[in-house]
Amino acid sequence: MKIWIDADACPRAIKELLYRVADRKKLILTLVANRSLGHPASRWICSIQVGAGADVADQEIIRLLEKGDLVVTADIPLAAETIGKGGHALDPRGIFFSEDNIRERLSVRNFMDDLRSSGVETGGPTAYSAKDKQKFANELDRFLAHYG
């Protein structure tokens, strides 16, 4: 199993937590982004810089993803593709996407996109908190105890 990070928008706290996990568990961790990202020197951690453009990083993750891999992303369409390809998807706020919840999440996302495109102000996500980080860490630990 490998871990992929949709790294452009992933909170720094989550990336740092995943660096430690990769080294401790000896798991390949790959950050994918459309800009250069620094990361600790480790044989377990690498990064891929993709070209600019919408969803270019997502497409690269899906291209390289293997069944059973974990993708850390808040991007619901990427999570849906990950699940469809036999991978696992975990939001940086600690929510696992699954076959049971991904259709509903895609519907809500698309509805909100439609509202925004029609001029309705929908607001954005709440600020990332220590509680979010703790929930992510707990879900990651449960996942790794089962799959890692």
N, C-alpha and C. Protein backbone atom coordinates (compact mmCIF):
# COMPACT_ATOMS: atom_id res chain seq x y z
N MET A 1 0.84 -1.18 0.00
CA MET A 1 0.00 0.00 0.00
C MET A 1 0.89 1.25 0.00
N LYS A 2 0.48 2.21 -0.81
CA LYS A 2 1.14 3.51 -0.85
C LYS A 2 0.13 4.57 -0.41
N ILE A 3 0.66 5.68 0.04
CA ILE A 3 -0.18 6.82 0.41
C ILE A 3 0.11 7.95 -0.56
N TRP A 4 -0.94 8.52 -1.12
CA TRP A 4 -0.86 9.65 -2.04
C TRP A 4 -1.51 10.85 -1.39
N ILE A 5 -0.86 12.02 -1.49
CA ILE A 5 -1.45 13.25 -0.96
C ILE A 5 -1.75 14.19 -2.13
N ASP A 6 -3.01 14.60 -2.22
CA ASP A 6 -3.41 15.67 -3.12
C ASP A 6 -2.91 16.93 -2.41
N ALA A 7 -1.67 17.30 -2.69
CA ALA A 7 -0.91 18.17 -1.80
C ALA A 7 -1.12 19.67 -1.96
N ASP A 8 -1.71 20.13 -3.04
CA ASP A 8 -1.87 21.58 -3.22
C ASP A 8 -2.65 22.23 -2.08
N ALA A 9 -3.70 21.57 -1.62
CA ALA A 9 -4.55 22.18 -0.60
C ALA A 9 -4.53 21.44 0.73
N CYS A 10 -3.69 20.44 0.85
CA CYS A 10 -3.63 19.66 2.09
C CYS A 10 -2.98 20.50 3.19
N PRO A 11 -3.61 20.58 4.37
CA PRO A 11 -3.02 21.35 5.46
C PRO A 11 -1.62 20.85 5.84
N ARG A 12 -0.76 21.78 6.16
CA ARG A 12 0.62 21.46 6.55
C ARG A 12 0.66 20.46 7.71
N ALA A 13 -0.23 20.63 8.68
CA ALA A 13 -0.25 19.74 9.85
C ALA A 13 -0.48 18.29 9.43
N ILE A 14 -1.31 18.08 8.43
CA ILE A 14 -1.58 16.72 7.95
C ILE A 14 -0.37 16.17 7.21
N LYS A 15 0.25 17.00 6.38
CA LYS A 15 1.45 16.53 5.69
C LYS A 15 2.53 16.13 6.69
N GLU A 16 2.73 16.94 7.72
CA GLU A 16 3.76 16.64 8.72
C GLU A 16 3.44 15.35 9.47
N LEU A 17 2.18 15.14 9.80
CA LEU A 17 1.77 13.91 10.46
C LEU A 17 2.04 12.71 9.55
N LEU A 18 1.72 12.84 8.27
CA LEU A 18 1.93 11.76 7.32
C LEU A 18 3.41 11.47 7.09
N TYR A 19 4.28 12.50 7.16
CA TYR A 19 5.72 12.27 7.04
C TYR A 19 6.18 11.32 8.15
N ARG A 20 5.72 11.59 9.35
CA ARG A 20 6.11 10.75 10.49
C ARG A 20 5.58 9.32 10.33
N VAL A 21 4.34 9.20 9.88
CA VAL A 21 3.73 7.89 9.68
C VAL A 21 4.49 7.10 8.62
N ALA A 22 4.84 7.75 7.51
CA ALA A 22 5.55 7.07 6.44
C ALA A 22 6.87 6.49 6.94
N ASP A 23 7.61 7.29 7.69
CA ASP A 23 8.90 6.81 8.22
C ASP A 23 8.70 5.70 9.25
N ARG A 24 7.74 5.87 10.14
CA ARG A 24 7.51 4.88 11.19
C ARG A 24 7.01 3.55 10.63
N LYS A 25 6.09 3.61 9.68
CA LYS A 25 5.48 2.40 9.12
C LYS A 25 6.18 1.89 7.86
N LYS A 26 7.18 2.66 7.39
CA LYS A 26 7.91 2.30 6.17
C LYS A 26 6.97 2.15 4.99
N LEU A 27 6.17 3.20 4.78
CA LEU A 27 5.21 3.26 3.68
C LEU A 27 5.64 4.35 2.71
N ILE A 28 5.49 4.08 1.42
CA ILE A 28 5.78 5.09 0.40
C ILE A 28 4.71 6.17 0.46
N LEU A 29 5.12 7.40 0.63
CA LEU A 29 4.24 8.56 0.68
C LEU A 29 4.63 9.48 -0.47
N THR A 30 3.68 9.80 -1.32
CA THR A 30 3.96 10.67 -2.47
C THR A 30 3.04 11.88 -2.44
N LEU A 31 3.65 13.06 -2.45
CA LEU A 31 2.90 14.31 -2.56
C LEU A 31 2.79 14.64 -4.04
N VAL A 32 1.60 14.98 -4.49
CA VAL A 32 1.39 15.36 -5.88
C VAL A 32 0.79 16.76 -5.89
N ALA A 33 1.47 17.68 -6.62
CA ALA A 33 1.02 19.07 -6.65
C ALA A 33 1.50 19.73 -7.94
N ASN A 34 0.92 20.88 -8.25
CA ASN A 34 1.35 21.60 -9.45
C ASN A 34 2.38 22.67 -9.13
N ARG A 35 2.97 22.58 -7.96
CA ARG A 35 4.08 23.45 -7.59
C ARG A 35 5.09 22.62 -6.81
N SER A 36 6.27 23.12 -6.73
CA SER A 36 7.32 22.42 -6.01
C SER A 36 7.02 22.42 -4.51
N LEU A 37 7.13 21.26 -3.91
CA LEU A 37 6.87 21.13 -2.47
C LEU A 37 8.09 20.56 -1.78
N GLY A 38 8.47 21.21 -0.72
CA GLY A 38 9.56 20.67 0.08
C GLY A 38 9.02 19.59 1.01
N HIS A 39 9.87 18.64 1.34
CA HIS A 39 9.51 17.60 2.29
C HIS A 39 10.79 17.08 2.92
N PRO A 40 10.67 16.42 4.06
CA PRO A 40 11.86 15.89 4.71
C PRO A 40 12.58 14.86 3.84
N ALA A 41 13.87 14.81 3.98
CA ALA A 41 14.65 13.80 3.27
C ALA A 41 14.34 12.45 3.91
N SER A 42 13.82 11.54 3.11
CA SER A 42 13.46 10.22 3.60
C SER A 42 13.35 9.29 2.40
N ARG A 43 13.75 8.06 2.57
CA ARG A 43 13.60 7.10 1.47
C ARG A 43 12.14 6.74 1.24
N TRP A 44 11.25 7.13 2.17
CA TRP A 44 9.83 6.78 2.09
C TRP A 44 8.97 7.92 1.53
N ILE A 45 9.55 9.11 1.39
CA ILE A 45 8.76 10.29 1.00
C ILE A 45 9.30 10.87 -0.30
N CYS A 46 8.39 11.10 -1.25
CA CYS A 46 8.78 11.73 -2.51
C CYS A 46 7.66 12.66 -2.97
N SER A 47 7.94 13.41 -4.01
CA SER A 47 6.92 14.30 -4.54
C SER A 47 6.96 14.27 -6.07
N ILE A 48 5.80 14.57 -6.63
CA ILE A 48 5.66 14.69 -8.08
C ILE A 48 5.07 16.06 -8.36
N GLN A 49 5.77 16.83 -9.18
CA GLN A 49 5.23 18.12 -9.61
C GLN A 49 4.63 17.94 -10.99
N VAL A 50 3.36 18.30 -11.10
CA VAL A 50 2.65 18.19 -12.38
C VAL A 50 2.48 19.59 -12.97
N GLY A 51 2.07 19.65 -14.21
CA GLY A 51 1.83 20.93 -14.86
C GLY A 51 0.63 21.65 -14.27
N ALA A 52 0.52 22.93 -14.60
CA ALA A 52 -0.60 23.73 -14.12
C ALA A 52 -1.87 23.29 -14.83
N GLY A 53 -2.98 23.55 -14.19
CA GLY A 53 -4.27 23.24 -14.80
C GLY A 53 -5.17 22.53 -13.82
N ALA A 54 -6.46 22.68 -14.08
CA ALA A 54 -7.46 22.06 -13.21
C ALA A 54 -7.34 20.54 -13.27
N ASP A 55 -7.31 19.93 -12.12
CA ASP A 55 -7.35 18.47 -11.97
C ASP A 55 -6.14 17.72 -12.52
N VAL A 56 -5.05 18.41 -12.86
CA VAL A 56 -3.87 17.72 -13.39
C VAL A 56 -3.27 16.81 -12.31
N ALA A 57 -3.17 17.31 -11.08
CA ALA A 57 -2.64 16.49 -9.98
C ALA A 57 -3.56 15.30 -9.72
N ASP A 58 -4.87 15.54 -9.75
CA ASP A 58 -5.83 14.46 -9.53
C ASP A 58 -5.66 13.36 -10.57
N GLN A 59 -5.52 13.76 -11.82
CA GLN A 59 -5.37 12.79 -12.90
C GLN A 59 -4.09 11.97 -12.75
N GLU A 60 -3.03 12.61 -12.27
CA GLU A 60 -1.76 11.89 -12.07
C GLU A 60 -1.90 10.88 -10.92
N ILE A 61 -2.58 11.27 -9.86
CA ILE A 61 -2.80 10.33 -8.75
C ILE A 61 -3.58 9.12 -9.25
N ILE A 62 -4.66 9.35 -9.97
CA ILE A 62 -5.48 8.25 -10.47
C ILE A 62 -4.68 7.37 -11.44
N ARG A 63 -3.86 7.98 -12.25
CA ARG A 63 -3.05 7.20 -13.20
C ARG A 63 -2.11 6.24 -12.48
N LEU A 64 -1.53 6.69 -11.36
CA LEU A 64 -0.52 5.91 -10.64
C LEU A 64 -1.09 5.04 -9.53
N LEU A 65 -2.31 5.31 -9.13
CA LEU A 65 -2.96 4.62 -8.02
C LEU A 65 -3.11 3.13 -8.29
N GLU A 66 -2.84 2.34 -7.27
CA GLU A 66 -3.07 0.90 -7.35
C GLU A 66 -4.12 0.51 -6.32
N LYS A 67 -4.79 -0.58 -6.59
CA LYS A 67 -5.82 -1.07 -5.67
C LYS A 67 -5.25 -1.17 -4.26
N GLY A 68 -5.99 -0.65 -3.29
CA GLY A 68 -5.58 -0.71 -1.89
C GLY A 68 -4.81 0.51 -1.41
N ASP A 69 -4.36 1.37 -2.33
CA ASP A 69 -3.65 2.59 -1.94
C ASP A 69 -4.60 3.55 -1.23
N LEU A 70 -4.02 4.44 -0.44
CA LEU A 70 -4.78 5.48 0.27
C LEU A 70 -4.49 6.83 -0.36
N VAL A 71 -5.55 7.60 -0.64
CA VAL A 71 -5.41 8.96 -1.14
C VAL A 71 -5.96 9.91 -0.09
N VAL A 72 -5.16 10.90 0.29
CA VAL A 72 -5.60 11.93 1.23
C VAL A 72 -5.99 13.14 0.40
N THR A 73 -7.29 13.46 0.42
CA THR A 73 -7.81 14.54 -0.40
C THR A 73 -9.14 15.06 0.14
N ALA A 74 -9.38 16.34 -0.08
CA ALA A 74 -10.69 16.92 0.20
C ALA A 74 -11.50 17.02 -1.08
N ASP A 75 -10.90 16.63 -2.20
CA ASP A 75 -11.54 16.72 -3.52
C ASP A 75 -12.48 15.53 -3.71
N ILE A 76 -13.77 15.79 -3.72
CA ILE A 76 -14.76 14.72 -3.77
C ILE A 76 -14.72 13.95 -5.09
N PRO A 77 -14.60 14.62 -6.26
CA PRO A 77 -14.48 13.82 -7.49
C PRO A 77 -13.24 12.92 -7.49
N LEU A 78 -12.12 13.39 -6.96
CA LEU A 78 -10.93 12.55 -6.86
C LEU A 78 -11.19 11.38 -5.93
N ALA A 79 -11.85 11.63 -4.82
CA ALA A 79 -12.19 10.55 -3.89
C ALA A 79 -13.07 9.51 -4.58
N ALA A 80 -14.03 9.96 -5.38
CA ALA A 80 -14.92 9.04 -6.09
C ALA A 80 -14.13 8.18 -7.08
N GLU A 81 -13.21 8.79 -7.81
CA GLU A 81 -12.39 8.02 -8.76
C GLU A 81 -11.49 7.03 -8.03
N THR A 82 -10.96 7.46 -6.89
CA THR A 82 -10.11 6.58 -6.08
C THR A 82 -10.88 5.34 -5.66
N ILE A 83 -12.07 5.54 -5.13
CA ILE A 83 -12.91 4.42 -4.69
C ILE A 83 -13.25 3.52 -5.87
N GLY A 84 -13.58 4.14 -7.00
CA GLY A 84 -13.91 3.38 -8.20
C GLY A 84 -12.76 2.52 -8.70
N LYS A 85 -11.55 2.93 -8.38
CA LYS A 85 -10.36 2.18 -8.82
C LYS A 85 -9.87 1.19 -7.73
N GLY A 86 -10.63 1.09 -6.64
CA GLY A 86 -10.28 0.13 -5.59
C GLY A 86 -9.37 0.69 -4.51
N GLY A 87 -9.22 2.01 -4.48
CA GLY A 87 -8.41 2.65 -3.44
C GLY A 87 -9.28 3.12 -2.28
N HIS A 88 -8.62 3.76 -1.34
CA HIS A 88 -9.28 4.32 -0.16
C HIS A 88 -9.04 5.83 -0.17
N ALA A 89 -10.02 6.59 0.29
CA ALA A 89 -9.91 8.05 0.29
C ALA A 89 -10.27 8.61 1.66
N LEU A 90 -9.37 9.45 2.18
CA LEU A 90 -9.54 10.05 3.50
C LEU A 90 -9.39 11.55 3.38
N ASP A 91 -10.40 12.28 3.85
CA ASP A 91 -10.38 13.74 3.87
C ASP A 91 -9.44 14.21 4.98
N PRO A 92 -8.73 15.33 4.79
CA PRO A 92 -7.84 15.84 5.85
C PRO A 92 -8.57 16.18 7.15
N ARG A 93 -9.88 16.25 7.11
CA ARG A 93 -10.67 16.49 8.33
C ARG A 93 -11.08 15.19 9.00
N GLY A 94 -10.61 14.06 8.47
CA GLY A 94 -10.84 12.78 9.13
C GLY A 94 -12.10 12.06 8.71
N ILE A 95 -12.62 12.35 7.53
CA ILE A 95 -13.82 11.68 7.03
C ILE A 95 -13.39 10.71 5.94
N PHE A 96 -13.71 9.44 6.14
CA PHE A 96 -13.43 8.46 5.10
C PHE A 96 -14.53 8.51 4.07
N PHE A 97 -14.15 8.58 2.81
CA PHE A 97 -15.11 8.45 1.73
C PHE A 97 -15.25 6.96 1.46
N SER A 98 -16.46 6.54 1.11
CA SER A 98 -16.70 5.13 0.85
C SER A 98 -17.74 4.98 -0.24
N GLU A 99 -17.93 3.75 -0.68
CA GLU A 99 -18.98 3.49 -1.66
C GLU A 99 -20.34 3.88 -1.10
N ASP A 100 -20.49 3.79 0.22
CA ASP A 100 -21.77 4.11 0.85
C ASP A 100 -22.07 5.61 0.90
N ASN A 101 -21.04 6.47 0.95
CA ASN A 101 -21.32 7.90 1.11
C ASN A 101 -20.88 8.78 -0.06
N ILE A 102 -20.16 8.23 -1.02
CA ILE A 102 -19.56 9.09 -2.04
C ILE A 102 -20.60 9.68 -3.01
N ARG A 103 -21.63 8.92 -3.36
CA ARG A 103 -22.65 9.47 -4.28
C ARG A 103 -23.35 10.68 -3.67
N GLU A 104 -23.71 10.56 -2.39
CA GLU A 104 -24.37 11.68 -1.71
C GLU A 104 -23.44 12.90 -1.65
N ARG A 105 -22.19 12.67 -1.34
CA ARG A 105 -21.23 13.78 -1.26
C ARG A 105 -21.03 14.44 -2.62
N LEU A 106 -21.00 13.63 -3.69
CA LEU A 106 -20.90 14.20 -5.04
C LEU A 106 -22.14 15.03 -5.37
N SER A 107 -23.30 14.54 -5.00
CA SER A 107 -24.54 15.28 -5.27
C SER A 107 -24.56 16.63 -4.55
N VAL A 108 -24.17 16.63 -3.30
CA VAL A 108 -24.13 17.88 -2.53
C VAL A 108 -23.10 18.83 -3.13
N ARG A 109 -21.93 18.31 -3.48
CA ARG A 109 -20.89 19.14 -4.10
C ARG A 109 -21.39 19.77 -5.39
N ASN A 110 -22.03 18.97 -6.24
CA ASN A 110 -22.54 19.48 -7.51
C ASN A 110 -23.64 20.51 -7.30
N PHE A 111 -24.50 20.27 -6.32
CA PHE A 111 -25.56 21.23 -5.99
C PHE A 111 -24.96 22.57 -5.55
N MET A 112 -23.95 22.50 -4.69
CA MET A 112 -23.30 23.73 -4.20
C MET A 112 -22.60 24.45 -5.36
N ASP A 113 -21.98 23.71 -6.27
CA ASP A 113 -21.36 24.32 -7.46
C ASP A 113 -22.40 25.04 -8.29
N ASP A 114 -23.57 24.42 -8.47
CA ASP A 114 -24.65 25.04 -9.23
C ASP A 114 -25.11 26.34 -8.56
N LEU A 115 -25.24 26.30 -7.23
CA LEU A 115 -25.64 27.52 -6.52
C LEU A 115 -24.62 28.63 -6.71
N ARG A 116 -23.34 28.29 -6.54
CA ARG A 116 -22.28 29.30 -6.70
C ARG A 116 -22.26 29.87 -8.12
N SER A 117 -22.44 29.00 -9.11
CA SER A 117 -22.40 29.49 -10.50
C SER A 117 -23.61 30.35 -10.84
N SER A 118 -24.68 30.23 -10.05
CA SER A 118 -25.85 31.08 -10.28
C SER A 118 -25.80 32.36 -9.44
N GLY A 119 -24.68 32.55 -8.73
CA GLY A 119 -24.48 33.79 -7.98
C GLY A 119 -24.80 33.73 -6.50
N VAL A 120 -25.22 32.59 -6.01
CA VAL A 120 -25.53 32.46 -4.59
C VAL A 120 -24.23 32.32 -3.80
N GLU A 121 -24.10 33.11 -2.75
CA GLU A 121 -22.93 33.06 -1.87
C GLU A 121 -23.12 31.89 -0.91
N THR A 122 -22.27 30.88 -1.00
CA THR A 122 -22.43 29.69 -0.16
C THR A 122 -21.43 29.61 0.98
N GLY A 123 -20.48 30.52 1.02
CA GLY A 123 -19.44 30.47 2.04
C GLY A 123 -18.46 29.36 1.74
N GLY A 124 -17.47 29.24 2.57
CA GLY A 124 -16.46 28.21 2.36
C GLY A 124 -16.39 27.30 3.56
N PRO A 125 -15.43 26.41 3.56
CA PRO A 125 -15.29 25.51 4.71
C PRO A 125 -14.81 26.29 5.94
N THR A 126 -15.11 25.72 7.09
CA THR A 126 -14.64 26.32 8.34
C THR A 126 -13.12 26.19 8.41
N ALA A 127 -12.50 27.01 9.25
CA ALA A 127 -11.05 26.96 9.42
C ALA A 127 -10.63 25.58 9.94
N TYR A 128 -9.47 25.13 9.47
CA TYR A 128 -8.95 23.84 9.91
C TYR A 128 -8.56 23.95 11.37
N SER A 129 -8.94 22.96 12.17
CA SER A 129 -8.73 23.05 13.61
C SER A 129 -7.93 21.86 14.16
N ALA A 130 -7.53 21.99 15.41
CA ALA A 130 -6.84 20.90 16.10
C ALA A 130 -7.76 19.68 16.21
N LYS A 131 -9.05 19.92 16.35
CA LYS A 131 -10.02 18.83 16.42
C LYS A 131 -10.05 18.06 15.09
N ASP A 132 -9.98 18.80 13.97
CA ASP A 132 -9.94 18.15 12.65
C ASP A 132 -8.69 17.28 12.53
N LYS A 133 -7.55 17.82 12.96
CA LYS A 133 -6.30 17.07 12.88
C LYS A 133 -6.37 15.80 13.73
N GLN A 134 -6.95 15.91 14.91
CA GLN A 134 -7.07 14.74 15.80
C GLN A 134 -7.99 13.69 15.19
N LYS A 135 -9.09 14.14 14.60
CA LYS A 135 -10.00 13.19 13.95
C LYS A 135 -9.30 12.47 12.80
N PHE A 136 -8.52 13.23 12.01
CA PHE A 136 -7.76 12.62 10.91
C PHE A 136 -6.79 11.58 11.47
N ALA A 137 -6.03 11.95 12.48
CA ALA A 137 -5.04 11.03 13.07
C ALA A 137 -5.71 9.76 13.58
N ASN A 138 -6.86 9.89 14.23
CA ASN A 138 -7.57 8.72 14.74
C ASN A 138 -8.03 7.81 13.60
N GLU A 139 -8.61 8.40 12.55
CA GLU A 139 -9.08 7.61 11.41
C GLU A 139 -7.91 6.94 10.68
N LEU A 140 -6.80 7.66 10.53
CA LEU A 140 -5.62 7.10 9.89
C LEU A 140 -5.09 5.92 10.71
N ASP A 141 -5.02 6.06 12.02
CA ASP A 141 -4.56 4.96 12.88
C ASP A 141 -5.44 3.73 12.73
N ARG A 142 -6.76 3.94 12.73
CA ARG A 142 -7.69 2.80 12.56
C ARG A 142 -7.46 2.13 11.19
N PHE A 143 -7.31 2.95 10.17
CA PHE A 143 -7.10 2.42 8.82
C PHE A 143 -5.81 1.60 8.77
N LEU A 144 -4.73 2.16 9.29
CA LEU A 144 -3.43 1.49 9.22
C LEU A 144 -3.41 0.21 10.07
N ALA A 145 -4.16 0.20 11.18
CA ALA A 145 -4.24 -1.01 11.98
C ALA A 145 -4.93 -2.12 11.20
N HIS A 146 -5.84 -1.75 10.33
CA HIS A 146 -6.58 -2.75 9.54
C HIS A 146 -5.88 -3.11 8.23
N TYR A 147 -5.34 -2.10 7.51
CA TYR A 147 -4.78 -2.33 6.19
C TYR A 147 -3.24 -2.23 6.11
N GLY A 148 -2.65 -1.49 7.05
CA GLY A 148 -1.24 -1.22 6.93
C GLY A 148 -0.39 -2.15 7.70
